Protein backbone atom coordinates (compact mmCIF):
# COMPACT_ATOMS: atom_id res chain seq x y z
CA MET A 1 -0.13 -0.05 0.17
CA LYS A 2 1.54 3.48 -0.85
CA THR A 3 1.73 5.88 1.83
CA PRO A 4 0.60 9.36 1.15
CA SER A 5 4.19 10.85 0.56
CA SER A 6 4.29 8.29 -2.06
CA ARG A 7 1.13 9.51 -3.80
CA ARG A 8 2.15 13.07 -3.67
CA ASP A 9 5.72 12.02 -5.26
CA ALA A 10 3.79 10.41 -7.90
CA ILE A 11 1.44 13.05 -8.47
CA LYS A 12 4.12 15.58 -8.53
CA LYS A 13 5.81 13.75 -11.55
CA VAL A 14 3.11 12.70 -13.42
CA ALA A 15 2.38 16.80 -13.30
CA THR A 16 5.89 17.59 -14.14
CA MET A 17 5.64 15.27 -17.41
CA ALA A 18 2.86 16.56 -18.67
CA MET A 19 3.79 20.21 -18.21
CA ALA A 20 7.16 19.35 -19.74
CA SER A 21 5.26 17.71 -22.64
CA THR A 22 3.10 20.81 -23.09
CA VAL A 23 6.34 23.16 -23.07
CA PHE A 24 7.75 20.85 -25.89
CA SER A 25 5.03 20.82 -27.87
CA SER A 26 4.59 24.33 -28.07
CA LEU A 27 8.34 25.08 -28.76
CA SER A 28 8.04 22.65 -31.89
CA GLU A 29 5.15 24.16 -33.10
CA ARG A 30 7.01 27.76 -32.83
CA VAL A 31 10.12 26.26 -34.43
CA SER A 32 7.52 24.51 -37.32
CA ALA A 33 6.13 28.17 -37.51
CA HIS A 34 9.58 29.85 -37.96
CA GLU A 35 10.74 27.21 -40.20
CA ARG A 36 7.55 27.61 -42.56
CA ALA A 37 7.92 31.53 -42.49
CA VAL A 38 11.39 31.46 -43.50
CA ASP A 39 10.82 29.00 -46.37
CA ALA A 40 7.95 31.25 -47.57
CA PRO A 41 8.12 33.14 -50.53
CA LEU A 42 7.81 36.83 -50.57
CA LYS A 43 4.48 38.64 -50.46
CA GLY A 44 5.90 41.83 -52.92
CA LYS A 45 4.61 44.58 -51.04
CA VAL A 46 7.95 45.71 -49.58
CA ASN A 47 11.34 46.35 -51.51
CA HIS A 48 13.92 44.85 -49.36
CA SER A 49 17.44 46.13 -48.65
CA VAL A 50 20.30 45.37 -46.55
CA CYS A 51 22.95 47.57 -45.41
CA ALA A 52 26.21 45.79 -46.22
CA TRP A 53 28.49 47.64 -42.97
CA CYS A 54 26.50 45.21 -40.73
CA TYR A 55 27.87 42.16 -42.42
CA SER A 56 31.21 43.37 -42.59
CA GLY A 57 32.71 40.01 -41.90
CA ILE A 58 30.99 38.31 -44.92
CA PRO A 59 32.41 38.99 -48.39
CA LEU A 60 30.62 41.46 -50.20
CA GLU A 61 30.09 38.99 -53.14
CA THR A 62 28.96 36.19 -50.85
CA LEU A 63 26.62 38.68 -49.04
CA CYS A 64 24.95 39.59 -52.95
CA GLU A 65 24.44 36.04 -53.43
CA SER A 66 22.46 35.29 -50.41
CA ALA A 67 20.68 38.45 -50.48
CA ARG A 68 19.51 37.78 -54.14
CA ASP A 69 18.44 34.37 -52.93
CA MET A 70 16.22 35.54 -50.03
CA GLY A 71 14.52 38.12 -52.28
CA ILE A 72 16.39 41.68 -51.27
CA ARG A 73 16.56 43.72 -54.22
CA SER A 74 19.45 45.94 -53.01
CA ILE A 75 22.79 46.19 -51.20
CA GLU A 76 23.27 49.60 -49.73
CA ILE A 77 25.48 52.06 -47.67
CA ILE A 78 28.27 51.13 -50.32
CA SER A 79 30.75 53.26 -52.02
CA PRO A 80 30.95 53.64 -56.10
CA GLU A 81 33.97 51.27 -56.36
CA GLN A 82 31.31 48.72 -55.06
CA PHE A 83 28.72 49.35 -57.48
CA GLU A 84 29.77 46.51 -60.27
CA THR A 85 29.83 43.91 -57.86
CA ILE A 86 26.46 44.52 -56.74
CA LYS A 87 25.06 44.74 -60.38
CA LYS A 88 26.98 41.25 -61.12
CA TYR A 89 23.84 40.13 -58.89
CA ASP A 90 20.92 42.01 -60.43
CA LEU A 91 21.04 43.97 -57.39
CA THR A 92 20.60 48.09 -57.05
CA CYS A 93 21.81 50.13 -54.29
CA ALA A 94 18.72 51.89 -52.95
CA MET A 95 21.11 54.01 -50.66
CA VAL A 96 24.69 55.09 -51.98
CA GLY A 97 26.84 55.64 -48.88
CA ALA A 98 29.05 58.88 -48.25
CA GLN A 99 32.20 57.59 -46.74
CA HIS A 100 34.75 60.92 -46.68
CA ARG A 101 37.27 61.18 -44.21
CA ASP A 102 36.83 64.98 -43.72
CA TRP A 103 32.59 64.72 -44.18
CA GLY A 104 30.00 62.79 -42.68
CA ILE A 105 28.16 62.12 -39.46
CA VAL A 106 29.74 64.46 -37.11
CA ARG A 107 30.89 67.18 -40.14
CA GLY A 108 27.78 67.90 -42.34
CA TRP A 109 25.66 70.51 -43.74
CA ASN A 110 25.13 72.32 -40.79
CA ARG A 111 28.19 74.73 -40.62
CA LYS A 112 28.84 77.00 -43.47
CA GLU A 113 32.46 76.49 -43.77
CA HIS A 114 31.54 73.05 -44.54
CA HIS A 115 29.83 73.80 -47.80
CA ALA A 116 32.50 74.33 -50.32
CA GLY A 117 34.13 70.72 -49.55
CA LEU A 118 30.62 68.92 -49.18
CA GLY A 119 29.64 70.38 -52.50
CA GLU A 120 32.66 69.36 -54.47
CA TYR A 121 32.21 66.13 -52.45
CA TYR A 122 28.67 65.37 -53.36
CA ARG A 123 28.83 66.76 -57.24
CA ASP A 124 31.12 63.93 -57.69
CA LEU A 125 29.21 61.73 -55.88
CA ILE A 126 26.15 62.82 -57.54
CA ASP A 127 27.67 62.12 -61.00
CA LYS A 128 28.72 58.62 -60.13
CA THR A 129 25.24 57.53 -58.58
CA SER A 130 23.56 58.96 -61.23
CA ALA A 131 25.93 57.25 -63.78
CA ALA A 132 25.32 53.81 -62.12
CA GLY A 133 21.72 54.49 -62.58
CA PHE A 134 21.01 54.58 -58.59
CA THR A 135 18.64 57.33 -57.49
CA ASN A 136 19.26 57.89 -53.50
CA LEU A 137 22.45 59.20 -51.43
CA ILE A 138 22.69 59.63 -48.21
CA CYS A 139 23.76 62.92 -46.00
CA PHE A 140 24.12 64.04 -42.81
CA SER A 141 23.44 67.07 -40.55
CA GLY A 142 26.79 66.89 -38.66
CA ASN A 143 26.95 67.68 -34.88
CA ARG A 144 25.40 70.81 -33.07
CA ASN A 145 28.96 72.11 -31.48
CA GLY A 146 26.65 74.72 -29.36
CA LEU A 147 24.61 75.66 -32.83
CA ASP A 148 21.10 75.76 -31.90
CA ASP A 149 18.55 74.17 -34.07
CA GLU A 150 17.05 77.01 -35.61
CA GLN A 151 20.44 78.07 -37.00
CA GLY A 152 21.12 74.48 -38.05
CA ILE A 153 17.99 74.47 -40.24
CA ILE A 154 19.43 77.61 -41.77
CA ASN A 155 22.85 76.56 -42.53
CA CYS A 156 21.62 72.96 -43.64
CA ALA A 157 19.34 74.42 -46.48
CA GLU A 158 21.68 76.99 -47.51
CA GLY A 159 24.22 74.57 -48.42
CA LEU A 160 22.08 72.09 -49.81
CA LYS A 161 20.29 74.49 -52.02
CA GLN A 162 23.96 75.26 -53.78
CA ILE A 163 23.92 71.66 -54.96
CA ILE A 164 19.96 70.52 -55.34
CA GLY A 165 19.35 72.21 -58.56
CA TYR A 166 22.24 69.78 -59.59
CA ALA A 167 20.83 66.78 -57.95
CA GLU A 168 17.42 67.36 -59.73
CA LYS A 169 19.27 67.50 -63.09
CA LYS A 170 20.75 64.16 -62.34
CA LYS A 171 17.64 62.76 -61.03
CA VAL A 172 19.28 61.93 -57.77
CA THR A 173 17.58 62.64 -54.09
CA LEU A 174 19.58 63.50 -51.00
CA VAL A 175 18.53 61.75 -47.90
CA MET A 176 19.31 63.10 -44.54
CA GLU A 177 19.44 60.07 -41.89
CA LEU A 178 17.70 60.97 -38.74
CA LEU A 179 20.21 59.39 -36.26
CA ASN A 180 19.88 59.09 -32.30
CA SER A 181 21.77 61.80 -30.26
CA LYS A 182 21.48 59.68 -26.77
CA VAL A 183 22.79 56.52 -27.56
CA ASN A 184 25.15 56.17 -31.06
CA HIS A 185 25.35 59.48 -32.17
CA ALA A 186 26.14 62.25 -29.31
CA ASP A 187 25.07 65.86 -30.34
CA TYR A 188 23.96 64.82 -34.03
CA GLN A 189 21.68 67.83 -34.85
CA CYS A 190 19.26 65.86 -36.97
CA ASP A 191 17.87 63.61 -34.37
CA ARG A 192 14.05 64.31 -34.50
CA THR A 193 11.40 63.73 -37.36
CA ALA A 194 10.31 67.53 -36.91
CA TRP A 195 13.60 68.98 -37.28
CA GLY A 196 14.12 66.99 -40.39
CA VAL A 197 10.70 67.86 -41.66
CA GLU A 198 11.58 71.64 -41.00
CA LEU A 199 14.88 71.19 -42.95
CA CYS A 200 12.63 69.29 -46.12
CA LYS A 201 10.33 72.91 -46.05
CA ALA A 202 13.41 74.85 -45.98
CA VAL A 203 15.10 73.33 -49.22
CA GLY A 204 12.13 72.88 -50.80
CA SER A 205 12.82 70.23 -53.15
CA ASP A 206 11.40 66.97 -54.04
CA ASN A 207 15.20 66.07 -54.06
CA PHE A 208 15.61 66.60 -50.62
CA LYS A 209 14.06 63.81 -48.10
CA LEU A 210 14.57 61.89 -44.92
CA LEU A 211 15.78 58.68 -44.16
CA TYR A 212 13.76 57.53 -41.60
CA ASP A 213 15.90 55.01 -38.97
CA ILE A 214 13.23 53.23 -37.18
CA TYR A 215 15.96 52.25 -34.21
CA HIS A 216 17.32 55.69 -34.01
CA MET A 217 13.89 57.65 -33.83
CA GLN A 218 12.48 54.83 -31.14
CA ILE A 219 15.10 55.83 -28.91
CA MET A 220 14.91 59.62 -29.66
CA GLU A 221 11.15 60.07 -29.63
CA GLY A 222 9.28 56.61 -30.00
CA ASP A 223 5.65 57.19 -31.46
CA VAL A 224 6.85 55.67 -34.77
CA ILE A 225 3.48 54.75 -36.45
CA ARG A 226 2.05 57.81 -35.94
CA THR A 227 5.06 59.94 -36.82
CA LEU A 228 5.69 58.23 -39.75
CA GLN A 229 2.33 58.47 -41.20
CA ASP A 230 2.06 62.34 -40.52
CA ASN A 231 5.73 62.93 -42.23
CA GLN A 232 5.53 60.28 -44.93
CA LYS A 233 6.08 62.57 -47.54
CA TYR A 234 9.12 63.67 -46.47
CA ILE A 235 10.75 60.33 -45.95
CA ALA A 236 12.35 58.45 -48.90
CA HIS A 237 13.65 55.27 -47.21
CA TYR A 238 13.75 53.27 -44.18
CA HIS A 239 16.10 51.25 -41.98
CA THR A 240 15.06 48.85 -39.18
CA GLY A 241 17.30 47.81 -35.95
CA GLY A 242 16.33 46.18 -32.61
CA VAL A 243 15.64 48.14 -29.64
CA PRO A 244 17.94 48.33 -27.14
CA GLY A 245 20.88 47.22 -28.85
CA ARG A 246 20.78 47.42 -32.66
CA ASN A 247 20.40 43.65 -32.94
CA GLU A 248 17.87 41.19 -34.17
CA ILE A 249 14.40 42.59 -35.12
CA ASP A 250 12.46 40.01 -33.30
CA GLU A 251 10.85 39.09 -30.05
CA THR A 252 14.03 39.62 -28.46
CA GLN A 253 13.20 43.18 -28.64
CA GLU A 254 10.87 45.89 -27.88
CA LEU A 255 9.42 47.32 -31.48
CA TYR A 256 6.92 45.00 -33.28
CA TYR A 257 8.02 45.55 -36.86
CA PRO A 258 5.14 43.62 -38.81
CA ALA A 259 2.62 46.60 -37.47
CA ILE A 260 5.19 49.19 -38.18
CA ILE A 261 6.00 47.88 -41.69
CA LYS A 262 2.39 47.36 -42.43
CA ALA A 263 1.84 51.30 -41.44
CA VAL A 264 4.60 52.11 -43.67
CA VAL A 265 3.27 49.98 -46.57
CA GLU A 266 -0.35 52.06 -46.03
CA THR A 267 0.85 55.20 -46.64
CA GLY A 268 1.55 54.03 -50.03
CA PHE A 269 5.23 54.20 -49.63
CA LYS A 270 6.98 52.80 -52.48
CA GLY A 271 10.56 52.90 -51.70
CA PHE A 272 13.12 50.66 -49.98
CA VAL A 273 13.37 49.19 -46.70
CA ALA A 274 16.60 48.30 -45.34
CA GLN A 275 17.85 45.81 -42.64
CA GLU A 276 20.59 47.64 -40.64
CA PHE A 277 20.51 45.69 -37.41
CA VAL A 278 23.69 44.20 -36.35
CA PRO A 279 23.44 40.42 -36.03
CA LYS A 280 24.17 39.14 -32.50
CA ARG A 281 23.70 35.59 -33.09
CA SER A 282 26.55 33.30 -35.07
CA ASP A 283 24.55 32.69 -38.21
CA LYS A 284 24.28 36.18 -39.34
CA LEU A 285 22.59 35.49 -42.74
CA ALA A 286 19.92 33.35 -40.82
CA SER A 287 19.14 36.69 -38.65
CA LEU A 288 18.73 38.43 -42.16
CA ARG A 289 16.45 36.31 -43.42
CA GLN A 290 14.30 35.88 -40.45
CA GLY A 291 14.38 40.09 -40.54
CA VAL A 292 13.52 40.38 -44.01
CA GLN A 293 10.18 37.64 -43.52
CA ILE A 294 9.34 39.60 -40.31
CA CYS A 295 9.03 42.97 -42.54
CA ASP A 296 7.57 41.10 -45.58
CA VAL A 297 3.86 41.95 -44.48
């Protein structure tokens, strides 16, 4: 005859086994669903791109081949000498990079003393971008360094107006990236959507727009969906990234990308959405594939 203690032990074992079975079944269903999602064909509503710098440990040709197989149409933030490599794989460059030793995120258009050098550099980049058949070219405000936001807009607009006519003739759009100044780019001036929109209005050309980086703007201001809905006419391009950490955009971070990208599509946006998260997992290309599937609404 079993004692009350042995009965309790037996009941605990049965309950533990049942719970383990349920958990295993749930995990199996999740893995199976994830595998089906990875293998699913893309829906065609989103133009997918990927930023090459996030995969610096992977040869560009390998990234191109893998991206093409995933349904990605663009490799971006690359320099003109890399154009021919991506074209070999029938890929475009949805956003041409600007990588100059003197000009960039820290030293940009918000300083009048930079305008002459930036103008020379960007005319050359506009030529190369246009000759390759690409249309978007990234640019930056630069850091404040004590400059107030109103004067920063005035200075940026003055400099950009000196070359925007040339960009229009070459059918190239200059796209200023919105970056956070809280975590990654301290003192960067174009760190809020409202500031970027006012600059767009001051420049007054359809060939000057914004790169709305979802990761950066979640850190600075949040309210991502309403902000992109209200300002869609000023946005030429989107970047992704998990918050916090700028890693994978799955359930390990706080943003729900399916809803965000669905909102982007519903604005009528026809440009590109680029994965710009830095993979944390060892299989970086698997993380990229997952990111594309998450954003393929």
